[in-house]
C-alpha cells in the first residue's frame, strides 16, 4: 500500500514540526483571546506580576547536582496552582481543566499539543508550597493590590470568623481509640521493628481491636456497649504504658511521629476515663461524667487537631473543624486570615489579625470593627499593646449587667490611688486582694458596713428589730439566699478602664456608623464559603486549614481586583 504522504512532506514535517505547532498554537490562542478579553484569567494575566512568585518558588526544582531536567517550569506550576483555587478545583479536576479548557492552557503557558502536568506533579508542588511558602501567594497579592489601590492601607477594617468543616467525621470512643492505636503501631513498626516484638509480646490484641466477626455497636445493648468500651479502654491504656516505657530509653527528638500519635492516645484516655488499680493489682476503668471530661477533646482520629466549634448559646450550630478568623477593609479586601482549632473562642484571634499585618507590612488599621465576641476589656487592652496604640477596637460590649440581677462591678466606683471601692449607697471598702481566678482584684464589703445602728445577731434573734436599719439597696446587692451577716465580694478587672472608655465611645454617632459597616464582612464570608471553597477543609491538620484559608482569600482578592478594574474602566477612571 503506497504511503498517504510523500516522503519529502514527512521529512519536512519532522524537521519543522515544533515551529509549525508553535505557529498554529499562537494563531489559535490569538483568535480565542480576541473573543475573551473580559475573561478572569485574561485580565489576571495582564494585571498580576508573577516575578516575585516565580523567584520565591524557584527552589522547587533542584538548582544544582545530578537529576532529571525539569519538565514543567515553575511559572507554569504557579499559574496552574492559582487556577485550582480560583475555580475551586481538586487536583484531578485541575488536571482535566488543563487539557480541556483553552483559556486555562493559554494562561498557564501550555502549547496546543503539549502535555499538561498530571495530578501527582501538581500535588508535589502543592505540598512544597504548603511547607515552604505558606503565606507567599496571599502576601504578594495584597502588596500588589495595595500598590494599585493605595487607599486600602488607610481604611478601617472589619473582623469576624467562620467555620471550616474538617475532612473527617465524628467518631465514637471505641473506634477513636482503635484507630489512634493503629496509627501509632504503624509508625512504631517502621521506626523500631526489632524492639516492638519484645515490647508487645503477650498483648491481648482481641481486647483492643475485637475478634472477627465483630457485631457493630448498633446491634449491642447498653451493657454490651459499656463492656466493649471498658475492654478497649483498658487495652489501649496497657498499650500506651508499654510503648511509653519503650520510648523512655530514646531521646525526646527521636520517633516524633510515634510520640505524636502516642500523645493523642494519651489525651483521649486522660480526657474520657479514670483508671485505678484494685487490690489484686489489676487496672479498672470508669468513664468520666460529661462535666468532668477534658477541654479541647479529641473528636476524630482522622484529624486529631479538629475540634468542635459551637457558635450559638443553644449548641445547635455545631461544626467539627476549624475556626477561621479574617479581617477585611471596609471596601471588601481581605487583609488577614488565620485558622484556629474549632474550640478556640473568637476573641483569642482578634489581636493576631492586626499583629500579623504589623509584622508583614509594618502598619495596621487605625480601627478594627468586630462583633460582641471580641468586645471584652482584655481584648481591647491586648490590641492596643500589640499595636503600640496605633489600633483600637470598635465593638459592642458583652452584656455584663445581664449576668445577674444584682449590682455588678460597674455599678461601683473604683479609685486606684488609694485602691478603694464605693458601693451605690456610698459605703467605701479598702479591703482588697488579688483575685486567684481572674486578672484583677477582689474587694470585700462586710455586713456591718450595710447596717446602721443595731446589727443582727448570729442567731438572728433580733432580726426584726435590726431590719429597719438595713441598707435600702440590700436586696439589689445580695442574693436572696444569703443571710443577714453575709459579705459581698466585688471583682474589679484590670481592664476596667478599657470597658469604661468603650461604654462612653459606644454612645457616639461614630460608633453607630461603624456598626452599620460591620455586615459587610458577612458578604465576604458568603463569597468565601460558597464560591471560593473555604467551607470544607480538603486536607487534615491545622496548618493545612490555615493554608487553604489563605489561598481561598487570595482567590477572593484576585476576583475582587478584577471586578474593581472592570468597574473603574466602566466609570472611565
Protein backbone atom coordinates (compact mmCIF):
# COMPACT_ATOMS: atom_id res chain seq x y z
CA UNK A 1 0.00 0.00 0.00
CA UNK A 2 1.55 3.34 -1.02
CA UNK A 3 2.18 5.91 1.73
CA UNK A 4 -0.51 8.54 2.29
CA UNK A 5 2.01 11.40 2.23
CA UNK A 6 5.08 11.63 0.05
CA UNK A 7 8.37 11.11 1.82
CA UNK A 8 9.56 14.68 1.32
CA UNK A 9 6.44 16.01 3.10
CA UNK A 10 7.02 13.60 6.00
CA UNK A 11 10.64 14.74 6.26
CA UNK A 12 9.55 18.38 6.15
CA UNK A 13 7.04 17.86 8.95
CA UNK A 14 9.55 16.04 11.15
CA UNK A 15 12.05 18.87 10.77
CA UNK A 16 9.68 21.80 11.15
CA UNK A 17 7.01 20.24 13.41
CA UNK A 18 7.95 22.28 16.56
CA UNK A 19 7.93 25.50 14.56
CA UNK A 20 4.61 24.64 12.92
CA UNK A 21 2.90 23.66 16.17
CA UNK A 22 4.14 26.86 17.84
CA UNK A 23 2.86 28.94 14.92
CA UNK A 24 -0.59 27.33 14.83
CA UNK A 25 -0.79 27.44 18.64
CA UNK A 26 -0.10 31.17 18.68
CA UNK A 27 -2.64 31.79 15.94
CA UNK A 28 -5.30 29.72 17.65
CA UNK A 29 -4.73 31.40 21.03
CA UNK A 30 -4.80 34.83 19.44
CA UNK A 31 -8.17 34.06 17.87
CA UNK A 32 -9.53 32.73 21.21
CA UNK A 33 -8.27 35.73 23.20
CA UNK A 34 -9.85 38.12 20.74
CA UNK A 35 -13.26 36.86 21.90
CA UNK A 36 -12.41 36.55 25.63
CA UNK A 37 -10.95 39.92 26.60
CA UNK A 38 -13.12 40.08 29.75
CA UNK A 39 -12.27 36.58 30.93
CA UNK A 40 -10.97 36.42 34.51
CA UNK A 41 -7.70 34.72 33.53
CA UNK A 42 -7.07 37.12 30.66
CA UNK A 43 -7.49 40.13 32.95
CA UNK A 44 -5.37 38.47 35.62
CA UNK A 45 -2.52 37.78 33.18
CA UNK A 46 -2.50 41.49 32.29
CA UNK A 47 -2.57 42.74 35.90
CA UNK A 48 -0.70 40.35 38.20
CA UNK A 49 3.11 40.41 38.29
CA UNK A 50 4.30 36.81 38.70
CA UNK A 51 8.02 37.60 39.01
CA UNK A 52 8.11 37.61 42.82
CA UNK A 53 6.19 34.34 42.96
CA UNK A 54 8.48 32.70 40.43
CA UNK A 55 11.59 33.83 42.27
CA UNK A 56 10.34 32.54 45.64
CA UNK A 57 9.23 29.18 44.17
CA UNK A 58 12.36 28.59 42.08
CA UNK A 59 13.89 26.23 44.72
CA UNK A 60 11.10 23.73 43.99
CA UNK A 61 13.38 22.42 41.23
CA UNK A 62 16.92 21.31 42.05
CA UNK A 63 19.31 24.15 41.32
CA UNK A 64 22.48 22.06 41.04
CA UNK A 65 23.72 18.48 41.05
CA UNK A 66 22.56 15.35 39.28
CA UNK A 67 18.94 14.92 38.38
CA UNK A 68 16.44 14.82 35.57
CA UNK A 69 15.86 18.12 33.74
CA UNK A 70 12.69 19.91 34.76
CA UNK A 71 9.72 19.11 32.58
CA UNK A 72 7.38 21.87 33.73
CA UNK A 73 8.78 25.27 34.70
CA UNK A 74 7.83 26.89 37.99
CA UNK A 75 5.99 29.65 36.13
CA UNK A 76 3.59 27.05 34.69
CA UNK A 77 3.03 25.33 38.06
CA UNK A 78 2.37 28.67 39.81
CA UNK A 79 -0.30 29.64 37.31
CA UNK A 80 -1.89 26.19 37.43
CA UNK A 81 -1.84 26.38 41.23
CA UNK A 82 -3.74 29.67 41.12
CA UNK A 83 -6.28 28.33 38.63
CA UNK A 84 -7.07 25.49 41.02
CA UNK A 85 -8.04 27.91 43.80
CA UNK A 86 -9.73 30.45 41.54
CA UNK A 87 -12.18 27.80 40.34
CA UNK A 88 -12.16 25.59 43.46
CA UNK A 89 -10.81 22.59 41.54
CA UNK A 90 -9.48 19.42 43.06
CA UNK A 91 -6.14 18.31 41.64
CA UNK A 92 -7.79 15.82 39.30
CA UNK A 93 -10.30 18.44 38.16
CA UNK A 94 -7.40 20.83 37.58
CA UNK A 95 -5.58 18.21 35.52
CA UNK A 96 -8.73 17.75 33.43
CA UNK A 97 -9.11 21.52 33.02
CA UNK A 98 -5.53 21.83 31.78
CA UNK A 99 -6.44 19.50 28.91
CA UNK A 100 -9.96 20.69 28.15
CA UNK A 101 -10.07 24.47 28.76
CA UNK A 102 -8.35 26.54 26.07
CA UNK A 103 -8.03 29.74 28.12
CA UNK A 104 -6.62 27.82 31.08
CA UNK A 105 -3.97 26.24 28.82
CA UNK A 106 -3.04 29.66 27.47
CA UNK A 107 -2.90 31.19 30.96
CA UNK A 108 -0.55 28.57 32.40
CA UNK A 109 1.69 28.62 29.30
CA UNK A 110 0.92 25.31 27.58
CA UNK A 111 1.10 24.99 23.79
CA UNK A 112 -1.76 23.42 21.86
CA UNK A 113 -0.41 19.84 21.70
CA UNK A 114 1.80 19.96 24.78
CA UNK A 115 1.18 17.55 27.65
CA UNK A 116 -0.05 19.10 30.89
CA UNK A 117 1.24 18.15 34.36
CA UNK A 118 -0.76 15.38 35.99
CA UNK A 119 -2.30 15.50 39.47
CA UNK A 120 0.75 13.87 41.11
CA UNK A 121 3.05 16.63 39.82
CA UNK A 122 0.54 19.25 40.95
CA UNK A 123 0.34 17.55 44.37
CA UNK A 124 4.13 17.68 44.82
CA UNK A 125 4.13 21.39 44.08
CA UNK A 126 1.17 21.95 46.41
CA UNK A 127 2.97 20.16 49.24
CA UNK A 128 6.15 22.14 48.62
CA UNK A 129 4.35 25.48 48.72
CA UNK A 130 2.38 24.49 51.85
CA UNK A 131 5.53 23.65 53.80
CA UNK A 132 7.96 26.22 52.40
CA UNK A 133 5.94 29.28 51.34
CA UNK A 134 2.59 29.11 53.18
CA UNK A 135 1.92 32.87 53.05
CA UNK A 136 3.64 33.76 49.78
CA UNK A 137 0.65 33.97 47.42
CA UNK A 138 -1.54 35.75 49.96
CA UNK A 139 1.03 38.43 50.84
CA UNK A 140 2.18 39.05 47.25
CA UNK A 141 -1.37 39.62 46.03
CA UNK A 142 -2.09 42.00 48.92
CA UNK A 143 1.06 44.04 48.21
CA UNK A 144 0.23 44.37 44.53
CA UNK A 145 -3.39 45.31 45.25
CA UNK A 146 -2.26 47.97 47.72
CA UNK A 147 0.07 49.42 45.09
CA UNK A 148 -2.86 49.57 42.69
CA UNK A 149 -5.30 50.83 45.34
CA UNK A 150 -3.19 52.75 47.91
CA UNK A 151 -6.28 53.98 49.78
CA UNK A 152 -6.77 50.44 51.17
CA UNK A 153 -3.94 50.91 53.67
CA UNK A 154 -5.75 53.74 55.45
CA UNK A 155 -9.21 52.20 55.63
CA UNK A 156 -10.72 50.84 58.82
CA UNK A 157 -11.06 47.07 58.93
CA UNK A 158 -13.84 44.67 59.91
CA UNK A 159 -13.19 41.33 61.59
CA UNK A 160 -15.23 38.18 62.00
CA UNK A 161 -14.92 34.39 61.89
CA UNK A 162 -16.47 31.43 60.09
CA UNK A 163 -16.39 27.65 60.39
CA UNK A 164 -14.35 25.39 58.12
CA UNK A 165 -15.55 21.80 58.32
CA UNK A 166 -12.83 19.21 58.88
CA UNK A 167 -12.16 16.50 56.32
CA UNK A 168 -13.12 13.95 58.98
CA UNK A 169 -16.15 12.58 60.81
CA UNK A 170 -17.04 12.47 64.48
CA UNK A 171 -16.06 9.02 65.78
CA UNK A 172 -17.19 7.01 68.78
CA UNK A 173 -14.77 6.36 71.63
CA UNK A 174 -14.08 2.73 70.71
CA UNK A 175 -13.33 3.49 67.07
CA UNK A 176 -11.28 6.53 68.07
CA UNK A 177 -9.01 4.57 70.42
CA UNK A 178 -8.58 1.74 67.92
CA UNK A 179 -7.58 4.00 65.05
CA UNK A 180 -5.16 6.02 67.17
CA UNK A 181 -3.59 2.78 68.38
CA UNK A 182 -3.31 1.53 64.79
CA UNK A 183 -1.63 4.71 63.54
CA UNK A 184 0.80 4.62 66.46
CA UNK A 185 1.65 0.95 65.85
CA UNK A 186 2.24 1.51 62.13
CA UNK A 187 4.75 4.24 62.93
CA UNK A 188 6.34 2.12 65.65
CA UNK A 189 6.83 -0.86 63.33
CA UNK A 190 8.59 1.36 60.81
CA UNK A 191 10.78 3.09 63.39
CA UNK A 192 11.68 0.22 65.76
CA UNK A 193 10.76 -3.14 64.17
CA UNK A 194 13.06 -5.24 66.34
CA UNK A 195 12.18 -3.68 69.70
CA UNK A 196 8.43 -3.86 69.07
CA UNK A 197 8.32 -7.65 69.27
CA UNK A 198 9.67 -7.74 72.82
CA UNK A 199 7.62 -4.74 73.88
CA UNK A 200 4.28 -6.15 72.75
CA UNK A 201 4.80 -9.84 73.48
CA UNK A 202 1.72 -11.32 75.18
CA UNK A 203 -0.50 -8.33 74.47
CA UNK A 204 -4.22 -9.19 74.18
CA UNK A 205 -4.96 -7.80 70.75
CA UNK A 206 -8.53 -9.05 70.66
CA UNK A 207 -9.37 -6.85 73.66
CA UNK A 208 -8.21 -3.76 71.76
CA UNK A 209 -9.31 -4.47 68.19
CA UNK A 210 -12.04 -7.07 68.80
CA UNK A 211 -12.43 -10.57 67.36
CA UNK A 212 -13.64 -11.22 63.81
CA UNK A 213 -16.53 -11.20 63.08
CA UNK A 214 -17.48 -8.41 65.47
CA UNK A 215 -21.02 -7.10 65.80
CA UNK A 216 -21.36 -3.38 65.22
CA UNK A 217 -22.39 -1.18 68.14
CA UNK A 218 -25.86 -0.61 66.74
CA UNK A 219 -26.87 -4.21 67.49
CA UNK A 220 -25.48 -4.23 71.04
CA UNK A 221 -27.47 -3.44 74.15
CA UNK A 222 -26.31 -0.87 76.69
CA UNK A 223 -24.47 -3.42 78.85
CA UNK A 224 -22.61 -4.92 75.88
CA UNK A 225 -21.58 -1.48 74.60
CA UNK A 226 -20.26 -0.50 78.00
CA UNK A 227 -18.35 -3.77 78.30
CA UNK A 228 -16.73 -3.27 74.88
CA UNK A 229 -15.84 0.32 75.77
CA UNK A 230 -14.16 -0.73 79.04
CA UNK A 231 -12.22 -3.59 77.42
CA UNK A 232 -10.98 -1.30 74.66
CA UNK A 233 -10.00 1.45 77.09
CA UNK A 234 -8.07 -0.93 79.35
CA UNK A 235 -6.27 -2.46 76.37
CA UNK A 236 -5.41 0.97 74.97
CA UNK A 237 -4.18 2.04 78.41
CA UNK A 238 -1.91 -1.01 78.61
CA UNK A 239 -0.62 -0.40 75.07
CA UNK A 240 0.10 3.22 75.97
CA UNK A 241 2.10 2.16 79.03
CA UNK A 242 4.14 -0.39 77.07
CA UNK A 243 5.01 1.98 74.23
CA UNK A 244 5.75 4.82 76.64
CA UNK A 245 8.14 2.54 78.53
CA UNK A 246 9.82 1.58 75.25
CA UNK A 247 10.29 5.20 74.18
CA UNK A 248 11.62 6.26 77.60
CA UNK A 249 15.00 4.85 76.61
CA UNK A 250 15.18 7.03 73.47
CA UNK A 251 15.91 10.70 73.00
CA UNK A 252 12.90 13.02 73.01
CA UNK A 253 13.94 14.09 69.50
CA UNK A 254 13.62 10.54 68.13
CA UNK A 255 10.50 8.88 66.71
CA UNK A 256 8.48 12.09 66.67
CA UNK A 257 5.69 10.58 64.59
CA UNK A 258 5.17 7.76 67.10
CA UNK A 259 5.29 10.21 70.00
CA UNK A 260 2.66 12.41 68.36
CA UNK A 261 0.17 9.55 67.99
CA UNK A 262 1.03 8.31 71.48
CA UNK A 263 0.22 11.79 72.79
CA UNK A 264 -3.15 11.77 71.00
CA UNK A 265 -4.00 8.40 72.55
CA UNK A 266 -2.93 9.64 75.98
CA UNK A 267 -5.18 12.69 75.64
CA UNK A 268 -8.24 10.58 74.80
CA UNK A 269 -7.61 8.25 77.75
CA UNK A 270 -6.99 11.16 80.13
CA UNK A 271 -9.98 13.24 78.98
CA UNK A 272 -12.54 10.44 78.81
CA UNK A 273 -11.67 7.91 81.53
CA UNK A 274 -10.46 7.45 85.08
CA UNK A 275 -8.10 4.49 85.72
CA UNK A 276 -7.48 2.87 89.12
CA UNK A 277 -5.61 -0.20 90.37
CA UNK A 278 -7.60 -2.59 92.57
CA UNK A 279 -6.36 -4.71 95.46
CA UNK A 280 -5.41 -7.54 93.09
CA UNK A 281 -3.14 -5.20 91.12
CA UNK A 282 -5.45 -5.09 88.09
CA UNK A 283 -6.40 -1.92 86.25
CA UNK A 284 -10.01 -0.74 86.39
CA UNK A 285 -11.62 1.94 84.25
CA UNK A 286 -14.56 4.31 84.68
CA UNK A 287 -15.89 6.69 82.05
CA UNK A 288 -15.91 10.24 83.40
CA UNK A 289 -19.14 12.25 83.66
CA UNK A 290 -19.61 14.74 80.86
CA UNK A 291 -18.91 17.73 83.12
CA UNK A 292 -15.54 16.26 84.21
CA UNK A 293 -14.24 15.41 80.74
CA UNK A 294 -11.29 17.40 79.42
CA UNK A 295 -11.45 20.55 77.33
CA UNK A 296 -10.44 20.65 73.64
CA UNK A 297 -11.29 16.96 73.49
CA UNK A 298 -10.08 14.95 70.52
CA UNK A 299 -13.14 14.00 68.45
CA UNK A 300 -11.68 12.26 65.40
CA UNK A 301 -8.60 10.10 64.88
CA UNK A 302 -8.59 11.06 61.20
CA UNK A 303 -7.94 14.71 62.01
CA UNK A 304 -6.88 14.97 65.67
CA UNK A 305 -6.38 18.75 65.50
CA UNK A 306 -10.02 19.44 64.57
CA UNK A 307 -12.35 20.28 67.45
CA UNK A 308 -15.99 21.21 67.85
CA UNK A 309 -16.96 24.80 67.10
CA UNK A 310 -20.09 25.88 68.98
CA UNK A 311 -21.30 29.20 67.61
CA UNK A 312 -24.54 29.76 69.47
CA UNK A 313 -25.85 29.67 73.03
CA UNK A 314 -28.09 26.62 72.38
CA UNK A 315 -25.28 24.47 70.96
CA UNK A 316 -27.20 23.78 67.73
CA UNK A 317 -24.65 25.47 65.43
CA UNK A 318 -22.04 22.74 65.90
CA UNK A 319 -19.18 22.09 63.48
CA UNK A 320 -16.25 19.69 63.72
CA UNK A 321 -13.37 21.59 62.19
CA UNK A 322 -11.61 24.92 62.45
CA UNK A 323 -12.40 28.49 63.38
CA UNK A 324 -11.20 30.85 60.65
CA UNK A 325 -10.62 34.49 61.56
CA UNK A 326 -10.42 37.20 58.92
CA UNK A 327 -10.09 40.96 58.66
CA UNK A 328 -11.30 42.93 55.64
CA UNK A 329 -11.17 46.58 54.70
CA UNK A 330 -14.46 48.46 54.51
CA UNK A 331 -14.29 48.07 50.71
CA UNK A 332 -14.13 44.25 50.99
CA UNK A 333 -10.44 43.42 50.52
CA UNK A 334 -9.19 40.64 52.82
CA UNK A 335 -6.11 41.86 54.69
CA UNK A 336 -5.52 38.89 57.01
CA UNK A 337 -6.89 35.45 57.74
CA UNK A 338 -5.84 32.80 60.24
CA UNK A 339 -7.06 29.35 61.24
CA UNK A 340 -7.55 28.11 64.79
CA UNK A 341 -8.91 24.87 66.09
CA UNK A 342 -12.70 24.90 66.32
CA UNK A 343 -12.90 25.17 70.10
CA UNK A 344 -10.78 28.33 70.20
CA UNK A 345 -13.07 31.27 71.00
CA UNK A 346 -13.35 34.19 68.58
CA UNK A 347 -11.68 36.67 70.93
CA UNK A 348 -8.46 34.63 71.08
CA UNK A 349 -7.59 35.52 67.47
CA UNK A 350 -8.64 39.17 67.28
CA UNK A 351 -5.24 40.61 68.23
CA UNK A 352 -3.34 38.34 65.82
CA UNK A 353 -5.36 39.67 62.88
CA UNK A 354 -3.75 43.09 63.36
CA UNK A 355 -0.39 41.93 64.77
CA UNK A 356 0.20 39.83 61.64
CA UNK A 357 -0.30 42.90 59.45
CA UNK A 358 2.15 44.85 61.61
CA UNK A 359 4.72 42.10 61.11
CA UNK A 360 4.12 41.81 57.35
CA UNK A 361 3.65 45.45 56.33
CA UNK A 362 4.84 47.47 59.32
CA UNK A 363 1.44 49.17 59.53
CA UNK A 364 -2.07 48.45 60.75
CA UNK A 365 -5.56 49.98 60.56
CA UNK A 366 -6.48 52.75 62.96
CA UNK A 367 -9.65 50.90 63.88
CA UNK A 368 -10.80 47.27 63.85
CA UNK A 369 -14.56 46.75 63.88
CA UNK A 370 -15.65 43.47 65.46
CA UNK A 371 -18.74 41.86 66.95
CA UNK A 372 -19.56 41.43 70.62
CA UNK A 373 -17.40 38.29 70.89
CA UNK A 374 -14.26 40.44 70.77
CA UNK A 375 -15.57 43.33 72.84
CA UNK A 376 -14.11 42.44 76.25
CA UNK A 377 -11.78 44.82 78.05
CA UNK A 378 -8.93 42.32 77.92
CA UNK A 379 -9.10 42.04 74.14
CA UNK A 380 -9.14 45.83 73.79
CA UNK A 381 -6.08 46.18 76.02
CA UNK A 382 -4.15 43.44 74.21
CA UNK A 383 -4.86 45.05 70.83
CA UNK A 384 -3.59 48.43 72.00
CA UNK A 385 -0.43 46.85 73.44
CA UNK A 386 0.24 44.74 70.33
CA UNK A 387 -0.03 47.79 68.03
CA UNK A 388 1.57 50.29 70.42
CA UNK A 389 -1.64 52.28 70.47
CA UNK A 390 -1.98 52.51 66.68
CA UNK A 391 -5.19 50.44 66.51
CA UNK A 392 -8.25 50.41 68.73
CA UNK A 393 -11.20 48.04 68.79
CA UNK A 394 -14.75 49.06 67.99
CA UNK A 395 -17.27 46.51 69.23
CA UNK A 396 -20.33 46.23 71.36
CA UNK A 397 -19.62 45.29 74.97
CA UNK A 398 -20.73 41.96 76.39
CA UNK A 399 -23.89 42.42 78.45
CA UNK A 400 -22.22 42.26 81.86
CA UNK A 401 -25.33 43.61 83.59
CA UNK A 402 -27.46 40.70 82.35
CA UNK A 403 -25.37 38.07 84.10
CA UNK A 404 -27.12 38.80 87.39
CA UNK A 405 -30.00 40.83 88.80
CA UNK A 406 -27.68 42.18 91.48
CA UNK A 407 -25.42 45.20 91.26
CA UNK A 408 -22.42 44.44 89.06
CA UNK A 409 -18.83 45.64 89.29
CA UNK A 410 -19.55 48.64 87.07
CA UNK A 411 -22.23 49.87 89.47
CA UNK A 412 -19.42 50.51 91.98
CA UNK A 413 -17.00 53.44 91.85
CA UNK A 414 -13.33 52.47 91.83
CA UNK A 415 -10.25 54.58 92.55
CA UNK A 416 -6.72 53.32 92.03
CA UNK A 417 -4.74 55.56 94.38
CA UNK A 418 -5.51 54.57 97.01
CA UNK A 419 -7.37 51.42 95.99
CA UNK A 420 -10.92 51.95 97.22
CA UNK A 421 -14.33 50.86 96.04
CA UNK A 422 -17.53 52.76 96.76
CA UNK A 423 -20.88 50.99 96.61
CA UNK A 424 -24.06 52.57 95.13
CA UNK A 425 -25.10 53.56 98.66
CA UNK A 426 -21.84 55.41 99.34
CA UNK A 427 -20.11 52.83 101.55
CA UNK A 428 -16.36 52.55 100.99
CA UNK A 429 -14.20 49.42 101.14
CA UNK A 430 -10.41 49.39 101.44
CA UNK A 431 -10.15 45.61 101.83
CA UNK A 432 -8.85 44.10 98.60
CA UNK A 433 -6.60 41.30 97.40
CA UNK A 434 -5.53 39.87 94.01
CA UNK A 435 -8.10 37.52 92.52
CA UNK A 436 -6.89 33.89 92.39
CA UNK A 437 -9.02 33.16 89.31
CA UNK A 438 -9.01 36.31 87.17
CA UNK A 439 -6.91 39.30 86.24
CA UNK A 440 -7.98 41.86 88.80
CA UNK A 441 -8.64 42.42 92.49
CA UNK A 442 -11.49 41.45 94.80
CA UNK A 443 -12.97 43.96 97.25
CA UNK A 444 -14.99 42.93 100.28
CA UNK A 445 -17.94 44.73 101.84
CA UNK A 446 -18.66 43.29 105.28
CA UNK A 447 -22.19 43.08 106.66
CA UNK A 448 -21.61 45.64 109.44
CA UNK A 449 -20.97 48.28 106.74
CA UNK A 450 -24.51 47.74 105.45
CA UNK A 451 -26.36 48.16 108.77
CA UNK A 452 -26.87 51.39 110.69
CA UNK A 453 -27.07 51.18 114.47
CA UNK A 454 -28.42 47.76 115.51
CA UNK A 455 -26.60 44.75 113.95
CA UNK A 456 -28.26 41.35 113.53
CA UNK A 457 -27.11 38.61 115.91
CA UNK A 458 -25.67 35.34 114.69
CA UNK A 459 -28.84 33.52 115.70
CA UNK A 460 -30.98 36.20 114.00
CA UNK A 461 -32.96 36.72 117.22
CA UNK A 462 -33.07 40.50 116.81
CA UNK A 463 -33.57 40.49 113.03
CA UNK A 464 -36.97 42.19 113.15
CA UNK A 465 -35.55 44.97 115.36
CA UNK A 466 -32.48 45.46 113.15
CA UNK A 467 -34.23 45.14 109.78
CA UNK A 468 -35.25 48.84 109.56
CA UNK A 469 -31.56 49.72 109.92
CA UNK A 470 -30.50 47.63 106.91
CA UNK A 471 -29.16 49.29 103.72
CA UNK A 472 -32.10 50.15 101.43
CA UNK A 473 -30.21 48.62 98.48
CA UNK A 474 -29.56 45.29 100.25
CA UNK A 475 -31.87 43.22 98.02
CA UNK A 476 -30.27 44.64 94.86
CA UNK A 477 -26.80 43.93 96.21
CA UNK A 478 -27.06 40.42 97.67
CA UNK A 479 -28.61 37.13 96.68
CA UNK A 480 -31.89 36.32 98.49
CA UNK A 481 -30.35 33.08 99.75
CA UNK A 482 -27.61 34.97 101.62
CA UNK A 483 -28.01 35.65 105.31
CA UNK A 484 -28.18 39.00 107.05
CA UNK A 485 -24.50 38.78 108.06
CA UNK A 486 -23.22 37.90 104.58
CA UNK A 487 -20.22 39.54 102.98
CA UNK A 488 -20.38 40.99 99.44
CA UNK A 489 -17.30 40.41 97.24
CA UNK A 490 -16.82 42.57 94.14
CA UNK A 491 -14.36 41.70 91.37
CA UNK A 492 -12.63 44.68 89.71
CA UNK A 493 -10.94 43.76 86.43
CA UNK A 494 -7.53 45.08 85.43
CA UNK A 495 -9.19 46.13 82.16
CA UNK A 496 -11.98 48.14 83.78
CA UNK A 497 -10.79 51.44 82.27
CA UNK A 498 -10.96 49.99 78.74
CA UNK A 499 -14.56 48.93 79.31
CA UNK A 500 -15.50 52.36 80.67
CA UNK A 501 -13.85 54.05 77.67
CA UNK A 502 -15.77 51.73 75.34
CA UNK A 503 -19.05 52.46 77.11
CA UNK A 504 -18.55 56.15 76.51
CA UNK A 505 -17.46 55.74 72.88
CA UNK A 506 -20.31 53.34 72.10
CA UNK A 507 -22.79 56.13 72.76
CA UNK A 508 -21.38 58.28 69.94
CA UNK A 509 -22.64 58.66 66.39
CA UNK A 510 -19.26 57.48 65.03
CA UNK A 511 -19.73 54.10 66.71
CA UNK A 512 -23.21 53.68 65.27
CA UNK A 513 -21.86 54.36 61.78
CA UNK A 514 -19.12 51.74 62.31
CA UNK A 515 -21.69 49.16 63.38
CA UNK A 516 -23.57 49.80 60.14
CA UNK A 517 -20.41 48.83 58.25
CA UNK A 518 -19.97 45.52 60.10
CA UNK A 519 -22.44 43.45 58.00
CA UNK A 520 -20.12 43.88 55.00
CA UNK A 521 -17.89 41.13 56.35
CA UNK A 522 -20.79 38.68 56.13
CA UNK A 523 -20.93 39.16 52.36
CA UNK A 524 -17.24 38.37 52.09
CA UNK A 525 -17.67 35.24 54.22
CA UNK A 526 -20.55 34.17 51.96
CA UNK A 527 -18.35 34.50 48.88
CA UNK A 528 -15.52 32.61 50.54
CA UNK A 529 -17.67 29.70 51.66
CA UNK A 530 -19.97 29.43 48.64
CA UNK A 531 -17.75 30.38 45.67
CA UNK A 532 -14.14 30.02 46.81
CA UNK A 533 -14.04 26.64 48.56
CA UNK A 534 -13.49 27.87 52.11
CA UNK A 535 -16.27 25.90 53.80
CA UNK A 536 -14.74 22.42 53.77
CA UNK A 537 -11.11 21.61 54.50
CA UNK A 538 -9.66 19.46 51.73
CA UNK A 539 -6.81 18.12 53.90
CA UNK A 540 -6.24 17.35 57.56
CA UNK A 541 -4.42 19.38 60.18
CA UNK A 542 -4.39 22.97 61.39
CA UNK A 543 -1.53 24.04 59.10
CA UNK A 544 -3.37 22.79 56.02
CA UNK A 545 -6.57 24.52 57.15
CA UNK A 546 -4.67 27.79 57.60
CA UNK A 547 -3.03 27.45 54.17
CA UNK A 548 -6.36 26.71 52.48
CA UNK A 549 -8.00 29.70 54.20
CA UNK A 550 -5.21 31.97 52.92
CA UNK A 551 -5.39 30.61 49.38
CA UNK A 552 -9.20 30.93 49.30
CA UNK A 553 -8.77 34.51 50.49
CA UNK A 554 -6.16 35.03 47.74
CA UNK A 555 -8.62 33.78 45.12
CA UNK A 556 -11.30 36.10 46.50
CA UNK A 557 -8.92 39.10 46.46
CA UNK A 558 -7.90 38.41 42.87
CA UNK A 559 -11.54 38.28 41.78
CA UNK A 560 -12.24 41.48 43.70
CA UNK A 561 -9.25 43.13 42.00
CA UNK A 562 -10.52 42.20 38.54
CA UNK A 563 -14.06 43.36 39.39
CA UNK A 564 -12.80 46.74 40.55
CA UNK A 565 -10.70 47.16 37.41
CA UNK A 566 -13.76 46.44 35.30
CA UNK A 567 -15.88 48.87 37.35
CA UNK A 568 -13.23 51.58 37.07
CA UNK A 569 -12.99 51.06 33.33
CA UNK A 570 -16.76 51.34 33.01
CA UNK A 571 -16.67 54.55 35.04
CA UNK A 572 -13.84 55.95 32.91
CA UNK A 573 -11.30 56.03 35.75
